[in-house]
Amino acid sequence: MHLRALVLSLLMLIPTLNFAQWGKGISVEPTLHVGKIFKHTPKLLFPVENISTGVELNFTNKKYGKKSWHQQLNYPKGGVALFYYHLGDNDLFGQAIGVAPNIIFPIFSKKRISSTFQLGWGIAYVSKRFDPIDNPQNNALGSNINSLNTFKWQLDYQINQKWKINLGASFTHFSNGASQLPNFGINIPALTIGTVYTPNPIKAEDIISHKIEPLKKRWGLSMHLDLAYKELSPSGGPRYPFYVASLAGVYRLSAVQELSAGIDYEYNQAVYTFGLHTAGFDSEAAARRAATRLGIFVADEFLFGNVGLYGQIGTYLPGYDFSTGWFLYTKLAMRYYLPEIGKPATRFYLGLYLKSHRVVAEYLAVGIGARL
């Protein structure tokens, strides 16, 4: 408890240091999260008796128009946040330390009151994981290294030119994408309180405006190939590859937002192998058919220069669902786009995809794609 209090105190005091040499629009944003682990499925074995407390230290950079997409997205912030979370029970969950690049969207601003929404995705080390002997109740996480997803809404009050205080709500998710079982994940809804310190704030005269040119091409195609690895139940079982291919038509609403609709193809090697070994299928063709899953989806992507934040919702075609019982799925992704090449102009991209059924992750995949 003394160590936690010391860490909290130090982080809250950091903004009082001398940042006079920092660049225009850079802020330090410490936030305290107070919440409780949400048992999102009855399959979770552990009790939730204590609150979870977290400290976030976000270093942000306000965009003010150096590039045209800054203006088109209403001058958001980009940031890198450091996280420390005491998850509530040291013996079951331990503590989490992570880092998450993030983007902060302005919602509204009126006089001294403003509001923002933050999205972040990074990596975290969680000190306690499932162990069949020493920690059998923690069936939320099967690994120490996990994906860290953060969502936060804030209401800010401007005290003076350099200082803000805020209240808000957050949702934090830890998961390894079922690469190591068990993996129901940890979800923490929380209330937040924090400050924003900007040593060299942006003034109205600093804002750069651009003439937004109309799009020359609105329709396009996007395709990508992804690979994930899933562990076969029970915990400690073999890992098998999970192959994904996607093809979609794209409609560009603007230079910073694209809508798409298409089809997903998935092939689960574990279903094929397990079925053959247990004589669950009459033939290899039947095993391959059972290991194949098809889905149709719609998606939305926001583009921040070379980085895209992508969200997708889909449903499985009849007879192609691995008999999971779920008919809706979601994907969140971060994509990095390379410069255009060739004719027609093509941008290749690298992607990181987290697929879930409701709030339970199914896989974490990496992939390569192309957008025409």
Protein backbone atom coordinates (compact mmCIF):
# COMPACT_ATOMS: atom_id res chain seq x y z
CA MET A 1 0.00 0.00 0.00
CA HIS A 2 2.87 2.41 0.79
CA LEU A 3 4.45 1.71 -2.62
CA ARG A 4 1.15 2.29 -4.40
CA ALA A 5 0.62 5.57 -2.57
CA LEU A 6 4.14 6.69 -3.49
CA VAL A 7 3.63 5.83 -7.17
CA LEU A 8 0.32 7.69 -7.25
CA SER A 9 1.81 10.75 -5.57
CA LEU A 10 4.79 10.90 -7.93
CA LEU A 11 2.66 10.59 -11.03
CA MET A 12 0.26 13.29 -9.91
CA LEU A 13 3.18 15.64 -9.19
CA ILE A 14 4.93 15.19 -12.53
CA PRO A 15 3.06 18.05 -14.25
CA THR A 16 4.51 20.56 -11.74
CA LEU A 17 8.03 20.01 -13.15
CA ASN A 18 9.59 22.53 -15.52
CA PHE A 19 8.49 21.75 -19.09
CA ALA A 20 9.36 25.17 -20.47
CA GLN A 21 11.44 23.67 -23.28
CA TRP A 22 8.68 21.35 -24.48
CA GLY A 23 7.11 21.94 -27.90
CA LYS A 24 3.86 23.69 -28.66
CA GLY A 25 0.73 21.71 -27.79
CA ILE A 26 2.47 18.96 -25.79
CA SER A 27 0.65 18.01 -22.57
CA VAL A 28 1.14 15.70 -19.60
CA GLU A 29 -2.12 14.08 -18.50
CA PRO A 30 -2.14 11.99 -15.28
CA THR A 31 -5.42 10.16 -14.59
CA LEU A 32 -6.64 8.03 -11.69
CA HIS A 33 -9.00 5.13 -12.58
CA VAL A 34 -11.18 3.58 -9.86
CA GLY A 35 -13.36 0.63 -10.85
CA LYS A 36 -14.00 -3.07 -10.46
CA ILE A 37 -13.43 -6.12 -12.64
CA PHE A 38 -16.63 -6.96 -14.53
CA LYS A 39 -17.51 -10.68 -14.69
CA HIS A 40 -18.73 -10.67 -18.28
CA THR A 41 -19.32 -14.45 -18.39
CA PRO A 42 -20.43 -17.01 -15.77
CA LYS A 43 -17.46 -19.16 -16.86
CA LEU A 44 -15.11 -16.92 -14.86
CA LEU A 45 -14.25 -18.84 -11.68
CA PHE A 46 -12.93 -16.10 -9.42
CA PRO A 47 -14.80 -13.84 -6.98
CA VAL A 48 -14.62 -10.07 -7.43
CA GLU A 49 -14.51 -8.52 -3.99
CA ASN A 50 -12.09 -5.57 -4.21
CA ILE A 51 -11.94 -2.43 -6.32
CA SER A 52 -9.29 -2.00 -9.01
CA THR A 53 -7.23 1.18 -9.10
CA GLY A 54 -5.13 2.38 -12.00
CA VAL A 55 -2.84 5.27 -12.82
CA GLU A 56 -2.41 6.50 -16.38
CA LEU A 57 0.27 8.98 -17.43
CA ASN A 58 -0.42 10.15 -20.97
CA PHE A 59 2.03 12.27 -22.96
CA THR A 60 -0.01 13.94 -25.71
CA ASN A 61 0.57 16.22 -28.67
CA LYS A 62 -2.24 18.47 -29.87
CA LYS A 63 -2.50 18.66 -33.67
CA TYR A 64 -3.02 22.18 -35.00
CA GLY A 65 -2.96 21.91 -38.78
CA LYS A 66 0.55 21.10 -39.95
CA LYS A 67 -1.12 18.41 -42.07
CA SER A 68 -4.54 18.59 -43.70
CA TRP A 69 -5.92 15.58 -41.83
CA HIS A 70 -5.50 17.48 -38.55
CA GLN A 71 -8.16 19.94 -39.70
CA GLN A 72 -10.43 17.27 -41.16
CA LEU A 73 -10.50 15.42 -37.81
CA ASN A 74 -11.07 18.63 -35.82
CA TYR A 75 -7.49 18.82 -34.50
CA PRO A 76 -7.23 15.68 -32.32
CA LYS A 77 -4.42 14.71 -29.95
CA GLY A 78 -1.98 11.84 -30.38
CA GLY A 79 -0.50 10.29 -27.26
CA VAL A 80 1.50 7.55 -25.61
CA ALA A 81 0.14 6.46 -22.22
CA LEU A 82 1.91 4.56 -19.45
CA PHE A 83 -0.39 2.44 -17.27
CA TYR A 84 -0.13 0.93 -13.82
CA TYR A 85 -3.11 -1.09 -12.55
CA HIS A 86 -3.67 -2.78 -9.22
CA LEU A 87 -6.32 -5.27 -10.29
CA GLY A 88 -7.88 -5.79 -6.87
CA ASP A 89 -6.48 -9.08 -5.59
CA ASN A 90 -2.71 -9.57 -5.56
CA ASP A 91 -2.89 -13.35 -5.20
CA LEU A 92 -5.32 -13.84 -8.11
CA PHE A 93 -4.45 -11.09 -10.58
CA GLY A 94 -1.41 -9.25 -9.31
CA GLN A 95 -0.69 -5.97 -11.02
CA ALA A 96 -0.46 -4.74 -14.59
CA ILE A 97 2.04 -2.40 -16.23
CA GLY A 98 1.53 -1.31 -19.83
CA VAL A 99 2.02 1.21 -22.60
CA ALA A 100 -0.65 2.22 -25.11
CA PRO A 101 -0.37 4.64 -28.05
CA ASN A 102 -3.67 6.50 -28.32
CA ILE A 103 -5.72 9.10 -30.15
CA ILE A 104 -7.98 11.64 -28.42
CA PHE A 105 -10.96 13.04 -30.32
CA PRO A 106 -12.55 16.37 -29.33
CA ILE A 107 -16.32 16.05 -28.88
CA PHE A 108 -17.27 19.63 -28.05
CA SER A 109 -15.79 22.79 -26.58
CA LYS A 110 -17.70 25.75 -25.13
CA LYS A 111 -16.01 28.45 -23.08
CA ARG A 112 -14.22 26.62 -20.25
CA ILE A 113 -16.01 23.27 -20.69
CA SER A 114 -14.90 20.64 -23.20
CA SER A 115 -15.21 16.91 -23.75
CA THR A 116 -13.00 14.26 -25.39
CA PHE A 117 -12.99 10.56 -26.21
CA GLN A 118 -9.78 8.51 -26.12
CA LEU A 119 -8.95 5.23 -27.89
CA GLY A 120 -5.76 3.34 -27.13
CA TRP A 121 -4.17 0.00 -28.00
CA GLY A 122 -0.91 -1.33 -26.62
CA ILE A 123 0.72 -4.08 -24.61
CA ALA A 124 0.73 -4.93 -20.91
CA TYR A 125 2.53 -7.24 -18.50
CA VAL A 126 0.17 -8.77 -15.92
CA SER A 127 2.07 -10.29 -13.00
CA LYS A 128 -0.39 -13.13 -12.20
CA ARG A 129 -1.85 -15.59 -14.70
CA PHE A 130 -3.66 -18.92 -14.66
CA ASP A 131 -1.77 -21.83 -13.15
CA PRO A 132 -3.50 -25.20 -12.63
CA ILE A 133 -1.71 -25.68 -9.29
CA ASP A 134 -0.91 -22.26 -7.85
CA ASN A 135 -3.63 -20.05 -9.35
CA PRO A 136 -6.49 -22.19 -10.69
CA GLN A 137 -9.23 -19.59 -10.10
CA ASN A 138 -7.77 -17.00 -12.46
CA ASN A 139 -9.09 -18.38 -15.74
CA ALA A 140 -9.24 -14.86 -17.24
CA LEU A 141 -5.64 -14.74 -18.47
CA GLY A 142 -3.41 -17.59 -19.60
CA SER A 143 -0.29 -15.46 -20.18
CA ASN A 144 1.63 -12.62 -18.56
CA ILE A 145 1.96 -10.63 -21.81
CA ASN A 146 -1.37 -9.31 -23.07
CA SER A 147 -2.97 -6.85 -25.42
CA LEU A 148 -4.15 -3.65 -23.69
CA ASN A 149 -7.20 -1.83 -25.06
CA THR A 150 -8.42 1.40 -23.50
CA PHE A 151 -11.47 3.62 -24.00
CA LYS A 152 -12.02 6.82 -22.03
CA TRP A 153 -14.54 9.66 -22.06
CA GLN A 154 -13.71 12.87 -20.20
CA LEU A 155 -15.39 16.15 -19.31
CA ASP A 156 -12.78 18.90 -18.87
CA TYR A 157 -12.83 22.24 -17.07
CA GLN A 158 -10.24 24.86 -18.08
CA ILE A 159 -8.81 26.41 -14.91
CA ASN A 160 -6.38 28.69 -16.76
CA GLN A 161 -4.39 28.68 -19.99
CA LYS A 162 -2.14 25.80 -18.92
CA TRP A 163 -4.26 23.69 -16.57
CA LYS A 164 -7.41 21.60 -16.90
CA ILE A 165 -9.11 19.20 -14.52
CA ASN A 166 -11.45 16.44 -15.66
CA LEU A 167 -13.90 13.75 -14.65
CA GLY A 168 -14.88 10.81 -16.80
CA ALA A 169 -15.36 7.09 -17.31
CA SER A 170 -13.07 4.44 -18.79
CA PHE A 171 -13.09 0.84 -19.95
CA THR A 172 -9.85 -1.19 -19.93
CA HIS A 173 -9.45 -4.65 -21.48
CA PHE A 174 -6.60 -7.15 -21.07
CA SER A 175 -6.45 -10.20 -23.37
CA ASN A 176 -3.98 -12.38 -25.29
CA GLY A 177 -6.41 -13.19 -28.10
CA ALA A 178 -6.68 -16.88 -27.09
CA SER A 179 -3.08 -17.50 -28.13
CA GLN A 180 -2.63 -19.10 -24.70
CA LEU A 181 -5.57 -20.49 -22.73
CA PRO A 182 -7.54 -19.72 -20.70
CA ASN A 183 -8.41 -16.34 -22.15
CA PHE A 184 -11.75 -14.89 -21.12
CA GLY A 185 -9.96 -11.58 -20.55
CA ILE A 186 -10.18 -8.95 -17.85
CA ASN A 187 -12.58 -6.03 -18.31
CA ILE A 188 -12.55 -3.04 -15.96
CA PRO A 189 -15.14 -0.25 -16.18
CA ALA A 190 -14.01 2.67 -14.01
CA LEU A 191 -14.59 6.28 -13.04
CA THR A 192 -11.72 8.67 -13.66
CA ILE A 193 -10.36 11.93 -12.33
CA GLY A 194 -7.32 13.71 -13.70
CA THR A 195 -5.51 16.83 -14.82
CA VAL A 196 -4.04 18.17 -18.06
CA TYR A 197 -0.94 20.36 -17.96
CA THR A 198 0.17 22.12 -21.17
CA PRO A 199 3.32 24.23 -20.68
CA ASN A 200 3.18 25.78 -24.15
CA PRO A 201 -0.50 25.84 -25.19
CA ILE A 202 -1.72 26.37 -28.73
CA LYS A 203 -3.38 29.73 -29.36
CA ALA A 204 -6.04 30.61 -31.91
CA GLU A 205 -3.49 32.30 -34.15
CA ASP A 206 -1.40 29.09 -34.24
CA ILE A 207 -4.13 27.06 -35.97
CA ILE A 208 -3.30 26.32 -39.62
CA SER A 209 -6.21 25.99 -42.05
CA HIS A 210 -6.10 24.14 -45.36
CA LYS A 211 -8.20 24.23 -48.48
CA ILE A 212 -9.72 20.77 -48.62
CA GLU A 213 -9.61 19.42 -52.14
CA PRO A 214 -12.47 17.16 -53.34
CA LEU A 215 -11.69 13.48 -53.62
CA LYS A 216 -10.63 12.29 -57.06
CA LYS A 217 -11.62 8.68 -56.39
CA ARG A 218 -14.32 7.50 -53.97
CA TRP A 219 -14.67 3.80 -54.74
CA GLY A 220 -11.98 1.20 -54.18
CA LEU A 221 -11.09 -2.31 -53.05
CA SER A 222 -9.31 -3.58 -49.94
CA MET A 223 -7.95 -7.09 -49.33
CA HIS A 224 -5.79 -8.60 -46.61
CA LEU A 225 -4.34 -11.92 -45.41
CA ASP A 226 -3.91 -12.53 -41.67
CA LEU A 227 -2.43 -15.18 -39.40
CA ALA A 228 -3.23 -16.01 -35.77
CA TYR A 229 -2.33 -18.87 -33.47
CA LYS A 230 -4.85 -20.38 -31.05
CA GLU A 231 -4.23 -22.82 -28.24
CA LEU A 232 -6.50 -25.84 -28.17
CA SER A 233 -8.38 -26.43 -24.92
CA PRO A 234 -7.51 -27.36 -22.19
CA SER A 235 -4.79 -24.96 -21.08
CA GLY A 236 -1.38 -26.17 -22.16
CA GLY A 237 -2.72 -27.83 -25.29
CA PRO A 238 -1.16 -27.53 -28.76
CA ARG A 239 -1.32 -24.30 -30.79
CA TYR A 240 -2.69 -24.29 -34.32
CA PRO A 241 -2.68 -21.64 -37.04
CA PHE A 242 -5.83 -19.68 -37.84
CA TYR A 243 -5.82 -18.33 -41.42
CA VAL A 244 -7.90 -15.30 -42.41
CA ALA A 245 -8.57 -13.66 -45.79
CA SER A 246 -10.79 -10.66 -46.43
CA LEU A 247 -12.09 -8.83 -49.51
CA ALA A 248 -14.14 -5.63 -49.33
CA GLY A 249 -15.48 -2.82 -51.43
CA VAL A 250 -14.54 0.62 -50.09
CA TYR A 251 -16.39 3.95 -50.25
CA ARG A 252 -14.40 7.02 -49.20
CA LEU A 253 -16.52 9.53 -47.30
CA SER A 254 -13.50 11.85 -47.08
CA ALA A 255 -9.72 11.74 -47.05
CA VAL A 256 -9.86 10.63 -43.40
CA GLN A 257 -12.83 8.23 -43.28
CA GLU A 258 -13.77 5.15 -45.30
CA LEU A 259 -16.74 2.78 -45.17
CA SER A 260 -16.42 -0.79 -46.44
CA ALA A 261 -18.43 -3.99 -46.84
CA GLY A 262 -17.19 -7.42 -47.74
CA ILE A 263 -16.61 -11.06 -46.90
CA ASP A 264 -14.27 -12.80 -44.43
CA TYR A 265 -12.83 -16.28 -44.98
CA GLU A 266 -11.39 -18.14 -41.96
CA TYR A 267 -9.75 -21.54 -41.70
CA ASN A 268 -9.12 -23.09 -38.28
CA GLN A 269 -6.47 -25.79 -38.51
CA ALA A 270 -7.37 -27.00 -35.00
CA VAL A 271 -10.91 -28.01 -36.08
CA TYR A 272 -9.53 -29.95 -39.05
CA THR A 273 -6.80 -31.75 -37.06
CA PHE A 274 -8.92 -32.52 -34.00
CA GLY A 275 -11.79 -33.83 -36.11
CA LEU A 276 -9.60 -36.23 -38.05
CA HIS A 277 -7.82 -37.54 -34.95
CA THR A 278 -11.12 -38.24 -33.18
CA ALA A 279 -12.84 -39.66 -36.27
CA GLY A 280 -15.32 -36.81 -36.07
CA PHE A 281 -15.55 -36.50 -39.86
CA ASP A 282 -16.09 -39.06 -42.60
CA SER A 283 -13.37 -37.64 -44.86
CA GLU A 284 -10.69 -34.98 -45.17
CA ALA A 285 -13.03 -32.97 -47.37
CA ALA A 286 -15.65 -32.96 -44.61
CA ALA A 287 -13.01 -31.91 -42.07
CA ARG A 288 -11.87 -29.05 -44.29
CA ARG A 289 -15.47 -27.93 -44.77
CA ALA A 290 -16.07 -27.93 -41.01
CA ALA A 291 -12.86 -25.94 -40.41
CA THR A 292 -13.99 -23.23 -42.84
CA ARG A 293 -15.98 -20.20 -41.73
CA LEU A 294 -17.45 -17.42 -43.88
CA GLY A 295 -18.82 -14.11 -42.72
CA ILE A 296 -20.09 -10.87 -44.21
CA PHE A 297 -19.34 -7.51 -42.60
CA VAL A 298 -19.50 -3.74 -42.66
CA ALA A 299 -16.65 -1.57 -41.37
CA ASP A 300 -15.55 2.00 -40.72
CA GLU A 301 -11.96 3.27 -40.72
CA PHE A 302 -10.49 6.60 -39.65
CA LEU A 303 -7.13 7.59 -41.15
CA PHE A 304 -4.54 9.61 -39.22
CA GLY A 305 -1.86 10.16 -41.82
CA ASN A 306 -0.34 6.71 -42.35
CA VAL A 307 -2.20 5.09 -39.43
CA GLY A 308 -5.73 3.73 -39.64
CA LEU A 309 -8.10 2.81 -36.80
CA TYR A 310 -10.54 0.20 -38.08
CA GLY A 311 -13.77 -1.17 -36.58
CA GLN A 312 -15.87 -3.98 -38.06
CA ILE A 313 -19.07 -5.87 -37.26
CA GLY A 314 -20.09 -9.03 -39.08
CA THR A 315 -22.28 -12.12 -39.10
CA TYR A 316 -21.60 -15.70 -40.22
CA LEU A 317 -23.18 -17.28 -43.24
CA PRO A 318 -25.44 -20.28 -42.48
CA GLY A 319 -23.47 -23.47 -42.01
CA TYR A 320 -20.13 -21.65 -41.65
CA ASP A 321 -19.85 -20.82 -37.96
CA PHE A 322 -17.80 -23.64 -36.29
CA SER A 323 -20.95 -24.21 -34.19
CA THR A 324 -19.84 -21.55 -31.69
CA GLY A 325 -23.37 -20.43 -30.94
CA TRP A 326 -22.42 -16.84 -31.81
CA PHE A 327 -23.73 -15.21 -34.97
CA LEU A 328 -22.25 -11.71 -34.54
CA TYR A 329 -18.57 -10.83 -34.28
CA THR A 330 -16.49 -7.67 -34.10
CA LYS A 331 -12.97 -6.72 -35.08
CA LEU A 332 -10.80 -3.84 -33.96
CA ALA A 333 -7.64 -3.15 -35.90
CA MET A 334 -4.73 -0.80 -36.24
CA ARG A 335 -3.21 -0.50 -39.70
CA TYR A 336 -0.04 1.17 -40.95
CA TYR A 337 -0.13 2.27 -44.58
CA LEU A 338 2.91 2.43 -46.86
CA PRO A 339 3.22 5.08 -49.63
CA GLU A 340 1.24 4.61 -52.83
CA ILE A 341 2.87 2.68 -55.66
CA GLY A 342 1.95 1.62 -59.17
CA LYS A 343 -1.07 2.18 -61.39
CA PRO A 344 -3.80 1.97 -60.31
CA ALA A 345 -2.43 3.61 -57.16
CA THR A 346 -2.08 0.93 -54.46
CA ARG A 347 -1.24 1.30 -50.78
CA PHE A 348 0.01 -1.79 -48.97
CA TYR A 349 -0.54 -1.95 -45.23
CA LEU A 350 0.35 -3.95 -42.13
CA GLY A 351 -2.42 -4.73 -39.67
CA LEU A 352 -3.02 -5.95 -36.13
CA TYR A 353 -6.54 -7.38 -35.60
CA LEU A 354 -8.41 -8.33 -32.42
CA LYS A 355 -11.55 -10.38 -33.10
CA SER A 356 -14.20 -10.90 -30.42
CA HIS A 357 -17.58 -12.46 -29.77
CA ARG A 358 -19.21 -9.88 -27.54
CA VAL A 359 -16.41 -9.10 -25.07
CA VAL A 360 -14.61 -12.47 -25.32
CA ALA A 361 -11.60 -12.37 -27.69
CA GLU A 362 -11.31 -15.18 -30.23
CA TYR A 363 -7.92 -14.36 -31.75
CA LEU A 364 -5.24 -11.72 -32.18
CA ALA A 365 -3.91 -11.72 -35.75
CA VAL A 366 -1.25 -9.94 -37.78
CA GLY A 367 -1.57 -9.43 -41.48
CA ILE A 368 -0.63 -7.69 -44.70
CA GLY A 369 -3.04 -6.10 -47.15
CA ALA A 370 -3.51 -3.79 -50.10
CA ARG A 371 -5.98 -0.99 -50.79
CA LEU A 372 -6.76 0.15 -54.37
